[in-house]
Amino acid sequence: MTEPTLEVRSLTCSIGRRTLLRQADLTAPAGTSLSVMGPSGSGKSTLLSCIAGLHTPQAGTIRVGGTDIAALRPSRAAAWRLRTIGFVYQSGELLPELSAVENAALPLLIAGRGRREAYGTAEGLLGELGVGEIADSPASVLSGGERQRVAVARALSTRPPLILADEPTGALDESTTDDVCETLFGLPARYRCALVVVTHNPVVAHRADLRLTLRGGALHSLPESTPGPTPDSATDTQTAGE
């Protein structure tokens, strides 16, 4: 049996006196998307930080592509993260003084790839994601949806097996959210990666193949029913999943 891209087992993580994750388990095979829903402060971003090896949990195991991230030396962790995990943040987190293609090429340049290869790959990804025409535009003038597509291109540039997205539509209006979700949740099938999205929005969460909610530090399956159209229904959806 093929090993899953991401496997988290018995993950426990506390910050100060607060336990944010209690014996949390999740699995994300290649070619699938997984969402974790929960309100602000529930521990969603902490979960992503643990998966990325940016925060050390008190207990549990995390394997990405078969690699136990706890076993990585700090000197190797950054290089491993660069080639293994792509990140998409709430507002894109682009460098405003750089163009779209320069932002998208950054991971490859940091990894030591040649300028021609890095820019060629970045331009190709921007074209595939429908924003090739803004490749030379400064990031500071891009719309919210354009910024997120550039951020997705940047995340894909090293062809990582795992993409982590932290509230990727939190700063977007409803129409732009739909467009970005079409792009984001289409990535696993298109690029054979695993996608993990954390969000407070049940409409976004239900776009994923696998759906979980984080409550009291534990992960629970979300029901199959389609949620209402507004993020305010998150509390009702979580209650229904208990």
Protein backbone atom coordinates (compact mmCIF):
# COMPACT_ATOMS: atom_id res chain seq x y z
CA MET A 1 0.00 0.00 0.00
CA THR A 2 1.27 3.46 -0.91
CA GLU A 3 2.34 5.54 2.07
CA PRO A 4 0.22 8.69 2.56
CA THR A 5 1.82 12.05 1.82
CA LEU A 6 0.93 13.27 5.31
CA GLU A 7 0.34 11.14 8.40
CA VAL A 8 -0.20 12.66 11.85
CA ARG A 9 -0.64 10.38 14.84
CA SER A 10 -1.46 11.19 18.50
CA LEU A 11 -0.34 14.80 18.14
CA THR A 12 -0.43 16.72 21.42
CA CYS A 13 0.64 20.34 21.64
CA SER A 14 0.38 22.87 24.45
CA ILE A 15 1.29 26.55 24.50
CA GLY A 16 1.64 27.90 28.01
CA ARG A 17 -1.11 26.34 30.10
CA ARG A 18 -3.41 25.79 27.14
CA THR A 19 -3.54 22.47 25.29
CA LEU A 20 -4.47 23.20 21.67
CA LEU A 21 -4.12 19.67 20.26
CA ARG A 22 -4.99 16.45 22.08
CA GLN A 23 -4.09 13.11 20.49
CA ALA A 24 -4.91 14.50 17.04
CA ASP A 25 -4.81 12.13 14.05
CA LEU A 26 -5.10 12.88 10.34
CA THR A 27 -4.02 11.37 7.04
CA ALA A 28 -3.79 13.03 3.62
CA PRO A 29 -2.94 10.85 0.62
CA ALA A 30 -1.48 12.27 -2.58
CA GLY A 31 -4.14 13.65 -4.90
CA THR A 32 -6.57 14.55 -2.12
CA SER A 33 -7.57 17.67 -0.22
CA LEU A 34 -8.29 17.87 3.50
CA SER A 35 -9.86 20.77 5.40
CA VAL A 36 -9.72 21.54 9.11
CA MET A 37 -12.40 23.94 10.28
CA GLY A 38 -12.60 25.81 13.56
CA PRO A 39 -12.96 29.33 14.97
CA SER A 40 -10.05 31.69 15.53
CA GLY A 41 -7.85 30.53 18.39
CA SER A 42 -8.88 26.88 18.14
CA GLY A 43 -5.39 25.71 17.21
CA LYS A 44 -5.67 25.42 13.42
CA SER A 45 -2.56 27.47 12.67
CA THR A 46 -0.67 25.63 15.42
CA LEU A 47 -1.55 22.36 13.70
CA LEU A 48 -0.06 23.64 10.44
CA SER A 49 3.05 24.89 12.23
CA CYS A 50 3.58 21.44 13.74
CA ILE A 51 3.08 19.73 10.37
CA ALA A 52 5.63 22.08 8.81
CA GLY A 53 8.16 21.45 11.55
CA LEU A 54 8.04 25.07 12.69
CA HIS A 55 6.70 24.20 16.15
CA THR A 56 7.66 21.19 18.25
CA PRO A 57 4.70 19.33 19.82
CA GLN A 58 4.88 17.65 23.22
CA ALA A 59 3.94 14.24 21.82
CA GLY A 60 2.96 12.42 18.64
CA THR A 61 4.47 11.72 15.24
CA ILE A 62 4.28 13.63 11.96
CA ARG A 63 5.44 12.06 8.73
CA VAL A 64 5.53 13.89 5.41
CA GLY A 65 6.43 11.71 2.44
CA GLY A 66 7.65 9.08 4.87
CA THR A 67 10.02 11.47 6.68
CA ASP A 68 9.61 11.85 10.44
CA ILE A 69 10.05 15.61 10.82
CA ALA A 70 10.97 15.30 14.50
CA ALA A 71 14.07 13.36 13.45
CA LEU A 72 15.39 16.16 11.23
CA ARG A 73 18.32 18.19 12.48
CA PRO A 74 17.65 21.95 12.50
CA SER A 75 20.37 22.42 9.89
CA ARG A 76 18.48 20.14 7.49
CA ALA A 77 14.91 21.09 8.36
CA ALA A 78 14.80 24.34 6.35
CA ALA A 79 16.10 22.71 3.17
CA TRP A 80 13.67 19.81 3.62
CA ARG A 81 10.77 22.21 4.14
CA LEU A 82 11.66 24.21 1.03
CA ARG A 83 11.43 21.21 -1.28
CA THR A 84 8.65 19.32 0.52
CA ILE A 85 6.02 21.86 1.61
CA GLY A 86 4.40 24.80 -0.15
CA PHE A 87 2.61 27.48 1.86
CA VAL A 88 -0.39 29.69 1.01
CA TYR A 89 -1.27 32.34 3.59
CA GLN A 90 -4.37 34.45 4.19
CA SER A 91 -3.24 37.53 2.26
CA GLY A 92 -0.70 35.92 -0.04
CA GLU A 93 2.26 37.41 1.87
CA LEU A 94 3.93 38.53 -1.35
CA LEU A 95 6.86 40.94 -1.42
CA PRO A 96 5.18 44.11 -2.76
CA GLU A 97 8.30 45.50 -4.42
CA LEU A 98 8.71 42.39 -6.57
CA SER A 99 6.72 41.41 -9.64
CA ALA A 100 4.36 38.45 -9.70
CA VAL A 101 6.87 36.24 -11.49
CA GLU A 102 9.68 37.28 -9.13
CA ASN A 103 7.54 36.33 -6.14
CA ALA A 104 6.61 33.00 -7.67
CA ALA A 105 10.25 32.21 -8.50
CA LEU A 106 11.62 32.95 -5.02
CA PRO A 107 11.59 29.38 -3.59
CA LEU A 108 13.49 28.09 -6.61
CA LEU A 109 16.07 30.86 -6.40
CA ILE A 110 16.52 30.21 -2.68
CA ALA A 111 16.96 26.52 -3.48
CA GLY A 112 19.84 27.41 -5.77
CA ARG A 113 18.17 26.98 -9.15
CA GLY A 114 19.38 29.09 -12.04
CA ARG A 115 17.56 32.33 -12.85
CA ARG A 116 16.38 31.13 -16.26
CA GLU A 117 14.97 27.87 -14.86
CA ALA A 118 13.34 29.58 -11.88
CA TYR A 119 11.67 32.29 -13.94
CA GLY A 120 10.63 29.86 -16.64
CA THR A 121 8.96 27.58 -14.10
CA ALA A 122 7.27 30.53 -12.38
CA GLU A 123 5.94 31.93 -15.66
CA GLY A 124 4.60 28.51 -16.63
CA LEU A 125 2.76 28.12 -13.33
CA LEU A 126 1.27 31.62 -13.52
CA GLY A 127 -0.02 30.75 -16.98
CA GLU A 128 -1.48 27.44 -15.80
CA LEU A 129 -3.24 29.24 -12.95
CA GLY A 130 -4.78 31.84 -15.27
CA VAL A 131 -2.69 34.87 -14.30
CA GLY A 132 0.09 34.75 -16.85
CA GLU A 133 -0.78 38.23 -18.10
CA ILE A 134 0.16 39.85 -14.78
CA ALA A 135 3.59 38.17 -14.51
CA ASP A 136 5.47 41.45 -14.78
CA SER A 137 3.08 43.49 -12.61
CA PRO A 138 4.26 44.58 -9.16
CA ALA A 139 2.61 42.57 -6.39
CA SER A 140 1.49 45.86 -4.81
CA VAL A 141 -1.03 46.53 -7.62
CA LEU A 142 -2.59 43.06 -7.80
CA SER A 143 -6.15 42.29 -6.70
CA GLY A 144 -6.79 39.92 -3.80
CA GLY A 145 -7.58 37.02 -6.12
CA GLU A 146 -4.51 37.67 -8.25
CA ARG A 147 -2.29 37.77 -5.16
CA GLN A 148 -3.60 34.42 -4.01
CA ARG A 149 -3.00 32.81 -7.39
CA VAL A 150 0.56 34.13 -7.39
CA ALA A 151 0.93 32.72 -3.86
CA VAL A 152 -0.31 29.35 -5.14
CA ALA A 153 2.22 29.47 -7.99
CA ARG A 154 4.97 30.22 -5.47
CA ALA A 155 3.84 27.30 -3.31
CA LEU A 156 3.93 24.95 -6.31
CA SER A 157 7.23 26.15 -7.75
CA THR A 158 9.38 23.42 -6.18
CA ARG A 159 6.70 20.80 -6.93
CA PRO A 160 6.30 19.87 -3.25
CA PRO A 161 4.20 16.83 -2.33
CA LEU A 162 2.31 18.82 0.34
CA ILE A 163 0.58 22.22 0.20
CA LEU A 164 -0.53 23.90 3.46
CA ALA A 165 -3.04 26.76 3.25
CA ASP A 166 -3.83 28.90 6.30
CA GLU A 167 -7.17 30.76 5.91
CA PRO A 168 -6.41 31.28 2.19
CA THR A 169 -9.74 33.03 1.51
CA GLY A 170 -10.05 34.94 4.79
CA ALA A 171 -9.31 38.32 3.16
CA LEU A 172 -11.43 37.77 0.01
CA ASP A 173 -15.01 38.62 -0.93
CA GLU A 174 -17.49 35.85 -1.75
CA SER A 175 -17.00 35.94 -5.53
CA THR A 176 -13.21 35.93 -5.31
CA THR A 177 -13.36 33.19 -2.67
CA ASP A 178 -15.20 30.95 -5.14
CA ASP A 179 -12.59 31.59 -7.83
CA VAL A 180 -9.63 30.95 -5.52
CA CYS A 181 -11.27 27.78 -4.16
CA GLU A 182 -11.65 26.45 -7.70
CA THR A 183 -7.92 26.90 -8.17
CA LEU A 184 -6.86 25.68 -4.74
CA PHE A 185 -8.96 22.54 -4.51
CA GLY A 186 -8.07 21.60 -8.07
CA LEU A 187 -4.37 21.35 -7.19
CA PRO A 188 -4.28 17.77 -5.82
CA ALA A 189 -5.71 16.20 -8.98
CA ARG A 190 -3.69 18.47 -11.27
CA TYR A 191 -0.32 18.22 -9.53
CA ARG A 192 -0.67 14.97 -7.52
CA CYS A 193 0.01 16.72 -4.23
CA ALA A 194 -1.84 16.60 -0.93
CA LEU A 195 -3.58 19.81 0.18
CA VAL A 196 -4.41 20.74 3.79
CA VAL A 197 -6.55 23.86 4.27
CA VAL A 198 -7.45 25.35 7.64
CA THR A 199 -10.41 27.73 7.65
CA HIS A 200 -13.23 29.14 9.75
CA ASN A 201 -15.52 29.12 6.69
CA PRO A 202 -17.74 26.01 6.33
CA VAL A 203 -18.38 26.70 2.65
CA VAL A 204 -14.64 26.56 1.97
CA ALA A 205 -14.18 23.54 4.26
CA HIS A 206 -16.78 21.48 2.42
CA ARG A 207 -14.91 21.86 -0.88
CA ALA A 208 -12.32 19.38 0.42
CA ASP A 209 -12.36 15.63 -0.17
CA LEU A 210 -11.82 15.00 3.57
CA ARG A 211 -13.31 17.34 6.18
CA LEU A 212 -12.45 17.70 9.87
CA THR A 213 -13.32 20.16 12.60
CA LEU A 214 -11.07 21.06 15.53
CA ARG A 215 -12.87 21.33 18.86
CA GLY A 216 -11.34 21.15 22.33
CA GLY A 217 -8.03 20.09 20.83
CA ALA A 218 -9.52 17.03 19.10
CA LEU A 219 -10.25 16.46 15.42
CA HIS A 220 -13.72 15.26 14.40
CA SER A 221 -15.24 14.42 11.02
CA LEU A 222 -17.59 16.98 9.52
CA PRO A 223 -21.00 15.83 8.25
CA GLU A 224 -21.52 15.36 4.52
CA SER A 225 -24.33 17.93 4.26
CA THR A 226 -23.61 21.17 2.43
CA PRO A 227 -23.37 24.16 4.81
CA GLY A 228 -25.11 27.50 4.52
CA PRO A 229 -23.52 30.31 2.52
CA THR A 230 -22.11 32.40 5.35
CA PRO A 231 -19.06 31.88 7.59
CA ASP A 232 -21.27 32.67 10.60
CA SER A 233 -22.75 29.19 10.34
CA ALA A 234 -19.45 27.64 11.47
CA THR A 235 -20.63 27.17 15.04
CA ASP A 236 -23.82 25.42 13.94
CA THR A 237 -21.89 23.13 11.61
CA GLN A 238 -19.48 22.12 14.37
CA THR A 239 -22.35 21.37 16.74
CA ALA A 240 -23.98 19.18 14.13
CA GLY A 241 -20.77 17.18 13.81
CA GLU A 242 -20.57 16.25 17.51
